[in-house]
Amino acid sequence: MAEDVLAAVRTGPGRTELRSFAMPDVPADGALLKVEVAGICGTDVKMYATPPFADPVIMGHENVGIIADAGPEFLRRHGLAVGDRVFVEHYIGCFHCRWCHAGEYRHCENTDWRTNPDARRYGYTSADNPYHLWGGFAQYMYLPWNAVLHKVPDGVSAELAGLVTPLSNGIEWALNAGGVGYDSTVLIQGPGQQGLSQVVACKQAGASTIIVTGTTRDAARLKLAKDLGADHVVDVLTEDALTAVRDLTGGTGVDVVLDCTAGAGTAPVLLGVDALTRREGVMVVQGELAAFPDFPLKKLTEKAITVRSARGHGYRSCELALNQLASGRFPLERLVTHTFTLDQVDRAIRAVGGEVEEDVVHVSLLPWAGVS
């Protein structure tokens, strides 16, 4: 094993540099992951442009790799062996609070960097902290005793397993938060990796009508949405989306609205309120806006709409995502559209942000590509 670890480190807003870290000693209850794939999502774009703190950070929170070295206590606790391929959740829970006991590590105080300055979360934690390797934009990543791991099924490649995070989010948001099930009618706004993952989740759950909205530049993504099981797609720049939804549902509206847009302002939420069925629809939102002037609260209450937050995933959703990948039922490999090397992190993040490249869905960083 190499003596040093190469990593791409965020050093400031929109700035990254390659740095070398000493290979950490592995304690009896710890391990090292040889990172094969680190996925990149819209959150990375925001964190890269506007870091929440000034410390150097190895980004990368959608990580898949091989257990390269591990202490005996770590292997016993996790039921793994050196050489196993695993998906690593970015939450590092405390394992004693009620959320951790329920497999909802995303809500654990130990993972919340917003309120806990000593929180541990892959892709968010300072590289100045002990063991340093707290992100997937590196050749190796440190795994403490309380890392949350999922063994990747045989036959699922590392690059395909890199889709677990968006797929598990799609399952969590559509099925658990949105309550999509048999015969549901659904409007999915935004055909990015999250929206396309929700198409698969809704189709698998038995939704009878799946409508996906996007813009003209999303033509390839909208076509992929149809191939993955969407019943209808709507270009919001050439069609009136509300009229289209009403026409497609016989004037009834949809049961569930899933907002997967980014940077679209208040328009998707306003459309969602109007597109929902007459009574007791559910809208799942990401809540990017810090404020919402003239929010239609009266209309929301008159229609008895329930608003839920789209926030991460639970343990079960990750397991279901891995099973979905292993089943081969959907052509999910088509979501992986771009790959980059460790020295291309800046371009990779900007590709997800729409600044470079075209027809980007899911971007994978391959830390060992081009390394002899």
Protein backbone atom coordinates (compact mmCIF):
# COMPACT_ATOMS: atom_id res chain seq x y z
CA MET A 1 0.00 0.00 0.00
CA ALA A 2 1.28 3.48 -0.86
CA GLU A 3 2.80 5.62 1.89
CA ASP A 4 0.94 8.74 0.79
CA VAL A 5 -2.64 9.44 -0.27
CA LEU A 6 -3.44 11.87 -3.08
CA ALA A 7 -6.58 13.96 -2.54
CA ALA A 8 -8.35 16.92 -4.13
CA VAL A 9 -8.88 19.52 -1.40
CA ARG A 10 -11.30 22.44 -1.48
CA THR A 11 -9.24 25.39 -0.29
CA GLY A 12 -11.75 28.19 -0.83
CA PRO A 13 -14.78 29.22 -2.89
CA GLY A 14 -14.44 27.56 -6.29
CA ARG A 15 -10.85 26.51 -5.61
CA THR A 16 -9.34 23.06 -5.30
CA GLU A 17 -5.81 21.71 -5.21
CA LEU A 18 -4.18 18.29 -5.11
CA ARG A 19 -2.53 17.50 -1.79
CA SER A 20 -0.71 14.51 -0.40
CA PHE A 21 -1.61 13.08 3.01
CA ALA A 22 0.26 10.53 5.03
CA MET A 23 -1.43 7.13 5.07
CA PRO A 24 -3.08 6.93 8.50
CA ASP A 25 -2.47 4.08 10.90
CA VAL A 26 -5.55 1.88 11.15
CA PRO A 27 -6.77 1.19 14.70
CA ALA A 28 -8.41 -2.08 15.71
CA ASP A 29 -11.86 -0.58 15.20
CA GLY A 30 -11.10 1.39 12.01
CA ALA A 31 -10.47 0.74 8.33
CA LEU A 32 -9.28 2.24 5.07
CA LEU A 33 -11.42 2.33 1.93
CA LYS A 34 -9.74 2.34 -1.47
CA VAL A 35 -12.11 4.73 -3.24
CA GLU A 36 -13.23 3.48 -6.63
CA VAL A 37 -16.01 5.96 -7.40
CA ALA A 38 -17.13 9.22 -5.84
CA GLY A 39 -20.39 10.62 -7.21
CA ILE A 40 -21.01 14.35 -7.52
CA CYS A 41 -24.37 16.06 -7.02
CA GLY A 42 -25.94 19.50 -6.86
CA THR A 43 -25.06 19.89 -3.18
CA ASP A 44 -21.39 19.67 -4.12
CA VAL A 45 -21.91 22.51 -6.58
CA LYS A 46 -23.33 24.74 -3.84
CA MET A 47 -20.72 23.76 -1.25
CA TYR A 48 -17.92 24.35 -3.75
CA ALA A 49 -19.12 27.80 -4.74
CA THR A 50 -20.00 28.90 -1.20
CA PRO A 51 -18.22 26.81 1.44
CA PRO A 52 -19.90 26.89 4.87
CA PHE A 53 -16.51 27.28 6.58
CA ALA A 54 -12.94 28.11 5.63
CA ASP A 55 -11.22 24.86 6.64
CA PRO A 56 -9.74 22.66 3.89
CA VAL A 57 -12.17 19.91 2.94
CA ILE A 58 -11.88 16.76 0.85
CA MET A 59 -15.29 16.79 -0.77
CA GLY A 60 -17.13 13.71 -2.02
CA HIS A 61 -20.04 12.18 -0.14
CA GLU A 62 -21.32 9.50 -2.58
CA ASN A 63 -18.58 6.91 -2.19
CA VAL A 64 -17.98 3.32 -3.25
CA GLY A 65 -14.80 1.33 -2.79
CA ILE A 66 -12.93 -1.70 -1.53
CA ILE A 67 -11.99 -2.38 2.09
CA ALA A 68 -8.20 -2.15 1.72
CA ASP A 69 -7.14 -2.49 5.34
CA ALA A 70 -9.11 -2.96 8.54
CA GLY A 71 -8.72 -3.77 12.19
CA PRO A 72 -10.23 -7.00 13.56
CA GLU A 73 -12.85 -5.19 15.65
CA PHE A 74 -14.01 -3.22 12.60
CA LEU A 75 -14.41 -6.37 10.50
CA ARG A 76 -16.26 -8.16 13.28
CA ARG A 77 -18.63 -5.25 13.89
CA HIS A 78 -19.51 -4.84 10.22
CA GLY A 79 -19.42 -8.48 9.14
CA LEU A 80 -17.01 -7.67 6.32
CA ALA A 81 -13.67 -8.86 5.00
CA VAL A 82 -10.75 -7.07 3.40
CA GLY A 83 -11.49 -6.90 -0.32
CA ASP A 84 -15.25 -6.43 0.04
CA ARG A 85 -16.85 -3.67 -2.05
CA VAL A 86 -19.07 -1.33 -0.04
CA PHE A 87 -21.18 1.77 -0.44
CA VAL A 88 -20.44 4.26 2.34
CA GLU A 89 -23.22 6.53 3.58
CA HIS A 90 -21.96 10.04 4.20
CA TYR A 91 -23.58 10.17 7.65
CA ILE A 92 -21.40 8.98 10.55
CA GLY A 93 -23.93 8.47 13.33
CA CYS A 94 -23.51 8.26 17.09
CA PHE A 95 -25.32 4.88 17.22
CA HIS A 96 -27.03 5.60 20.53
CA CYS A 97 -29.70 8.23 19.74
CA ARG A 98 -33.24 7.32 18.68
CA TRP A 99 -32.57 8.33 15.08
CA CYS A 100 -29.58 6.02 14.74
CA HIS A 101 -31.53 3.14 16.26
CA ALA A 102 -34.15 3.69 13.54
CA GLY A 103 -31.53 3.75 10.77
CA GLU A 104 -32.16 7.46 10.20
CA TYR A 105 -28.55 8.62 10.61
CA ARG A 106 -29.31 11.74 8.58
CA HIS A 107 -31.07 13.20 11.64
CA CYS A 108 -28.33 12.35 14.16
CA GLU A 109 -26.70 15.34 15.87
CA ASN A 110 -23.32 13.67 15.29
CA THR A 111 -23.75 14.21 11.53
CA ASP A 112 -25.13 17.77 11.49
CA TRP A 113 -22.32 20.17 10.63
CA ARG A 114 -24.78 23.08 10.79
CA THR A 115 -25.29 22.75 14.56
CA ASN A 116 -22.38 20.57 15.71
CA PRO A 117 -18.87 21.92 15.04
CA ASP A 118 -17.40 18.46 15.71
CA ALA A 119 -19.81 16.64 13.38
CA ARG A 120 -18.52 13.91 11.08
CA ARG A 121 -19.94 13.63 7.59
CA TYR A 122 -18.05 12.54 4.50
CA GLY A 123 -17.45 15.39 2.08
CA TYR A 124 -18.18 18.05 4.72
CA THR A 125 -15.65 17.50 7.52
CA SER A 126 -12.39 19.45 7.77
CA ALA A 127 -9.28 17.64 6.57
CA ASP A 128 -7.53 19.10 9.61
CA ASN A 129 -9.44 16.65 11.84
CA PRO A 130 -7.68 13.45 12.93
CA TYR A 131 -7.24 10.85 10.16
CA HIS A 132 -7.78 13.68 7.61
CA LEU A 133 -9.35 11.49 4.90
CA TRP A 134 -13.02 12.49 5.34
CA GLY A 135 -14.10 12.67 1.71
CA GLY A 136 -14.25 10.61 -1.46
CA PHE A 137 -12.25 12.94 -3.71
CA ALA A 138 -9.18 10.98 -2.59
CA GLN A 139 -7.51 7.67 -3.28
CA TYR A 140 -8.32 6.40 0.21
CA MET A 141 -10.90 7.30 2.83
CA TYR A 142 -10.79 6.61 6.56
CA LEU A 143 -13.62 4.53 8.06
CA PRO A 144 -14.20 4.81 11.83
CA TRP A 145 -16.05 2.17 13.82
CA ASN A 146 -19.35 4.01 13.32
CA ALA A 147 -19.19 4.40 9.53
CA VAL A 148 -22.43 3.22 7.91
CA LEU A 149 -21.67 0.66 5.21
CA HIS A 150 -23.66 -1.41 2.72
CA LYS A 151 -22.10 -4.40 1.00
CA VAL A 152 -22.48 -4.09 -2.77
CA PRO A 153 -24.15 -7.17 -4.32
CA ASP A 154 -22.11 -9.40 -6.60
CA GLY A 155 -22.50 -8.37 -10.21
CA VAL A 156 -22.94 -4.65 -9.45
CA SER A 157 -19.91 -2.71 -10.66
CA ALA A 158 -18.35 0.11 -8.68
CA GLU A 159 -19.50 2.68 -11.23
CA LEU A 160 -23.07 1.41 -11.14
CA ALA A 161 -22.99 1.33 -7.33
CA GLY A 162 -22.04 5.00 -7.51
CA LEU A 163 -25.73 5.64 -8.25
CA VAL A 164 -26.87 4.46 -4.81
CA THR A 165 -27.12 7.94 -3.31
CA PRO A 166 -29.46 9.47 -5.94
CA LEU A 167 -31.42 6.20 -6.15
CA SER A 168 -31.83 5.96 -2.38
CA ASN A 169 -32.85 9.62 -2.26
CA GLY A 170 -35.43 8.91 -4.95
CA ILE A 171 -36.83 6.02 -2.94
CA GLU A 172 -36.81 8.01 0.31
CA TRP A 173 -38.45 11.12 -1.11
CA ALA A 174 -40.99 9.48 -3.41
CA LEU A 175 -42.09 6.49 -1.36
CA ASN A 176 -41.48 7.46 2.26
CA ALA A 177 -41.92 11.24 2.24
CA GLY A 178 -44.34 11.45 -0.70
CA GLY A 179 -46.26 8.25 -0.04
CA VAL A 180 -46.29 7.21 -3.70
CA GLY A 181 -47.83 3.78 -4.15
CA TYR A 182 -50.09 1.69 -6.33
CA ASP A 183 -52.21 3.79 -8.73
CA SER A 184 -50.68 7.10 -7.57
CA THR A 185 -50.48 10.01 -9.99
CA VAL A 186 -47.20 11.89 -9.72
CA LEU A 187 -45.60 15.07 -11.03
CA ILE A 188 -41.79 15.04 -10.92
CA GLN A 189 -40.26 18.45 -11.54
CA GLY A 190 -36.72 18.35 -12.88
CA PRO A 191 -35.18 15.44 -14.86
CA GLY A 192 -31.76 15.41 -13.19
CA GLN A 193 -30.32 12.40 -11.39
CA GLN A 194 -32.72 12.85 -8.46
CA GLY A 195 -35.78 13.27 -10.68
CA LEU A 196 -34.86 10.31 -12.87
CA SER A 197 -34.26 8.19 -9.79
CA GLN A 198 -37.73 9.09 -8.60
CA VAL A 199 -39.19 7.98 -11.92
CA VAL A 200 -37.75 4.51 -11.23
CA ALA A 201 -38.96 4.52 -7.62
CA CYS A 202 -42.49 5.59 -8.60
CA LYS A 203 -42.68 3.06 -11.44
CA GLN A 204 -41.52 0.29 -9.14
CA ALA A 205 -44.10 1.34 -6.53
CA GLY A 206 -46.96 1.01 -9.03
CA ALA A 207 -47.75 4.64 -9.88
CA SER A 208 -50.30 4.77 -12.70
CA THR A 209 -49.32 8.17 -14.12
CA ILE A 210 -45.84 9.71 -13.94
CA ILE A 211 -45.37 13.17 -15.45
CA VAL A 212 -41.88 14.73 -15.64
CA THR A 213 -41.24 18.40 -16.38
CA GLY A 214 -38.05 20.01 -17.66
CA THR A 215 -36.81 22.65 -20.06
CA THR A 216 -35.78 22.55 -23.70
CA ARG A 217 -32.14 21.97 -22.76
CA ASP A 218 -33.29 18.84 -20.90
CA ALA A 219 -34.41 17.09 -24.09
CA ALA A 220 -32.03 14.13 -23.64
CA ARG A 221 -32.94 13.79 -19.98
CA LEU A 222 -36.66 13.89 -20.75
CA LYS A 223 -36.19 11.14 -23.31
CA LEU A 224 -34.36 9.10 -20.68
CA ALA A 225 -37.24 9.74 -18.27
CA LYS A 226 -39.61 8.12 -20.78
CA ASP A 227 -37.24 5.17 -21.21
CA LEU A 228 -37.14 4.69 -17.44
CA GLY A 229 -40.92 4.59 -17.14
CA ALA A 230 -42.35 8.11 -17.21
CA ASP A 231 -45.74 8.24 -18.94
CA HIS A 232 -45.53 11.86 -20.05
CA VAL A 233 -42.88 14.60 -20.25
CA VAL A 234 -43.52 18.33 -20.45
CA ASP A 235 -41.19 21.10 -21.64
CA VAL A 236 -42.16 24.04 -19.42
CA LEU A 237 -40.67 26.51 -21.91
CA THR A 238 -42.89 25.43 -24.80
CA GLU A 239 -46.00 24.23 -22.96
CA ASP A 240 -48.13 25.52 -20.12
CA ALA A 241 -47.22 22.98 -17.47
CA LEU A 242 -50.36 23.39 -15.35
CA THR A 243 -52.65 22.98 -18.36
CA ALA A 244 -50.68 19.91 -19.43
CA VAL A 245 -50.96 18.29 -15.98
CA ARG A 246 -54.69 18.95 -15.82
CA ASP A 247 -55.22 17.59 -19.32
CA LEU A 248 -53.18 14.48 -18.57
CA THR A 249 -55.12 13.77 -15.37
CA GLY A 250 -58.59 14.52 -16.71
CA GLY A 251 -58.74 17.75 -14.72
CA THR A 252 -58.18 15.99 -11.39
CA GLY A 253 -54.55 16.94 -10.72
CA VAL A 254 -51.87 14.70 -9.25
CA ASP A 255 -51.68 13.00 -5.86
CA VAL A 256 -48.00 13.81 -5.29
CA VAL A 257 -45.59 16.51 -6.47
CA LEU A 258 -41.84 15.88 -6.17
CA ASP A 259 -39.74 19.00 -6.68
CA CYS A 260 -36.25 18.12 -7.92
CA THR A 261 -35.45 21.45 -9.55
CA ALA A 262 -32.42 23.60 -8.79
CA GLY A 263 -32.27 27.36 -9.09
CA ALA A 264 -35.80 27.63 -10.49
CA GLY A 265 -37.06 30.01 -7.81
CA THR A 266 -40.64 29.89 -6.58
CA ALA A 267 -42.19 28.68 -9.86
CA PRO A 268 -42.01 24.90 -9.16
CA VAL A 269 -43.66 25.25 -5.74
CA LEU A 270 -46.41 27.47 -7.11
CA LEU A 271 -47.00 25.02 -9.95
CA GLY A 272 -47.06 22.17 -7.46
CA VAL A 273 -49.71 23.81 -5.30
CA ASP A 274 -51.96 24.30 -8.33
CA ALA A 275 -51.21 20.91 -9.92
CA LEU A 276 -52.12 18.88 -6.84
CA THR A 277 -55.47 17.18 -6.53
CA ARG A 278 -58.40 19.08 -5.04
CA ARG A 279 -57.84 17.74 -1.52
CA GLU A 280 -55.02 16.23 0.54
CA GLY A 281 -52.22 16.11 -2.00
CA VAL A 282 -48.59 15.80 -0.90
CA MET A 283 -45.71 18.00 -2.05
CA VAL A 284 -42.07 17.11 -1.34
CA VAL A 285 -39.72 20.08 -1.63
CA GLN A 286 -35.98 20.68 -1.25
CA GLY A 287 -36.38 24.16 0.25
CA GLU A 288 -33.52 25.96 -1.48
CA LEU A 289 -35.13 29.36 -0.99
CA ALA A 290 -34.30 31.17 2.23
CA ALA A 291 -37.52 33.18 1.88
CA PHE A 292 -40.71 32.86 -0.16
CA PRO A 293 -42.50 36.19 -0.71
CA ASP A 294 -46.29 35.95 -0.96
CA PHE A 295 -46.35 32.22 -0.22
CA PRO A 296 -49.91 30.95 -1.02
CA LEU A 297 -50.63 29.64 2.48
CA LYS A 298 -54.38 30.17 2.14
CA LYS A 299 -54.54 28.01 -1.00
CA LEU A 300 -52.33 25.43 0.70
CA THR A 301 -54.68 25.09 3.66
CA GLU A 302 -57.84 25.21 1.54
CA LYS A 303 -56.58 22.22 -0.45
CA ALA A 304 -55.30 20.49 2.73
CA ILE A 305 -51.88 20.05 1.13
CA THR A 306 -49.13 18.35 3.12
CA VAL A 307 -45.61 19.70 2.53
CA ARG A 308 -42.72 17.34 3.31
CA SER A 309 -38.97 17.93 3.24
CA ALA A 310 -36.64 16.15 0.83
CA ARG A 311 -33.70 15.40 3.06
CA GLY A 312 -31.25 12.57 2.48
CA HIS A 313 -32.07 8.91 2.96
CA GLY A 314 -32.41 6.18 5.58
CA TYR A 315 -30.61 2.84 5.79
CA ARG A 316 -33.47 0.86 4.24
CA SER A 317 -33.59 3.15 1.19
CA CYS A 318 -29.92 2.42 0.47
CA GLU A 319 -30.54 -1.33 0.69
CA LEU A 320 -33.49 -1.02 -1.69
CA ALA A 321 -31.38 1.04 -4.10
CA LEU A 322 -28.68 -1.64 -4.18
CA ASN A 323 -31.31 -4.32 -4.77
CA GLN A 324 -32.73 -2.23 -7.61
CA LEU A 325 -29.31 -1.97 -9.24
CA ALA A 326 -28.73 -5.70 -8.86
CA SER A 327 -32.10 -6.55 -10.41
CA GLY A 328 -31.22 -5.08 -13.81
CA ARG A 329 -34.88 -4.22 -14.35
CA PHE A 330 -34.18 -0.66 -15.49
CA PRO A 331 -31.33 0.63 -17.72
CA LEU A 332 -29.84 2.58 -14.83
CA GLU A 333 -26.36 2.48 -16.32
CA ARG A 334 -27.56 5.21 -18.69
CA LEU A 335 -27.68 7.64 -15.78
CA VAL A 336 -23.87 7.55 -15.60
CA THR A 337 -23.01 10.05 -18.31
CA HIS A 338 -19.63 11.56 -17.39
CA THR A 339 -16.45 10.46 -15.59
CA PHE A 340 -13.50 12.54 -14.46
CA THR A 341 -10.11 11.97 -12.84
CA LEU A 342 -8.84 13.33 -9.53
CA ASP A 343 -7.05 16.26 -11.17
CA GLN A 344 -10.31 17.24 -12.91
CA VAL A 345 -12.42 17.85 -9.79
CA ASP A 346 -13.03 21.51 -10.63
CA ARG A 347 -14.36 20.65 -14.10
CA ALA A 348 -16.39 17.74 -12.74
CA ILE A 349 -18.21 19.96 -10.25
CA ARG A 350 -18.78 22.64 -12.86
CA ALA A 351 -20.20 20.00 -15.21
CA VAL A 352 -22.83 19.11 -12.63
CA GLY A 353 -23.54 22.83 -12.25
CA GLY A 354 -24.19 23.17 -15.99
CA GLU A 355 -21.17 25.38 -16.70
CA VAL A 356 -19.35 22.85 -18.91
CA GLU A 357 -20.25 19.66 -20.79
CA GLU A 358 -23.70 18.78 -22.17
CA ASP A 359 -26.45 16.30 -21.30
CA VAL A 360 -25.00 15.71 -17.85
CA VAL A 361 -27.01 13.40 -15.56
CA HIS A 362 -24.68 11.69 -13.10
CA VAL A 363 -20.99 12.50 -12.79
CA SER A 364 -18.49 10.03 -11.34
CA LEU A 365 -15.02 10.88 -10.10
CA LEU A 366 -12.53 8.02 -10.48
CA PRO A 367 -9.61 8.71 -8.09
CA TRP A 368 -7.38 5.99 -9.55
CA ALA A 369 -7.99 6.67 -13.25
CA GLY A 370 -4.72 7.48 -15.00
CA VAL A 371 -2.65 6.46 -11.96
CA SER A 372 -0.05 3.78 -12.64
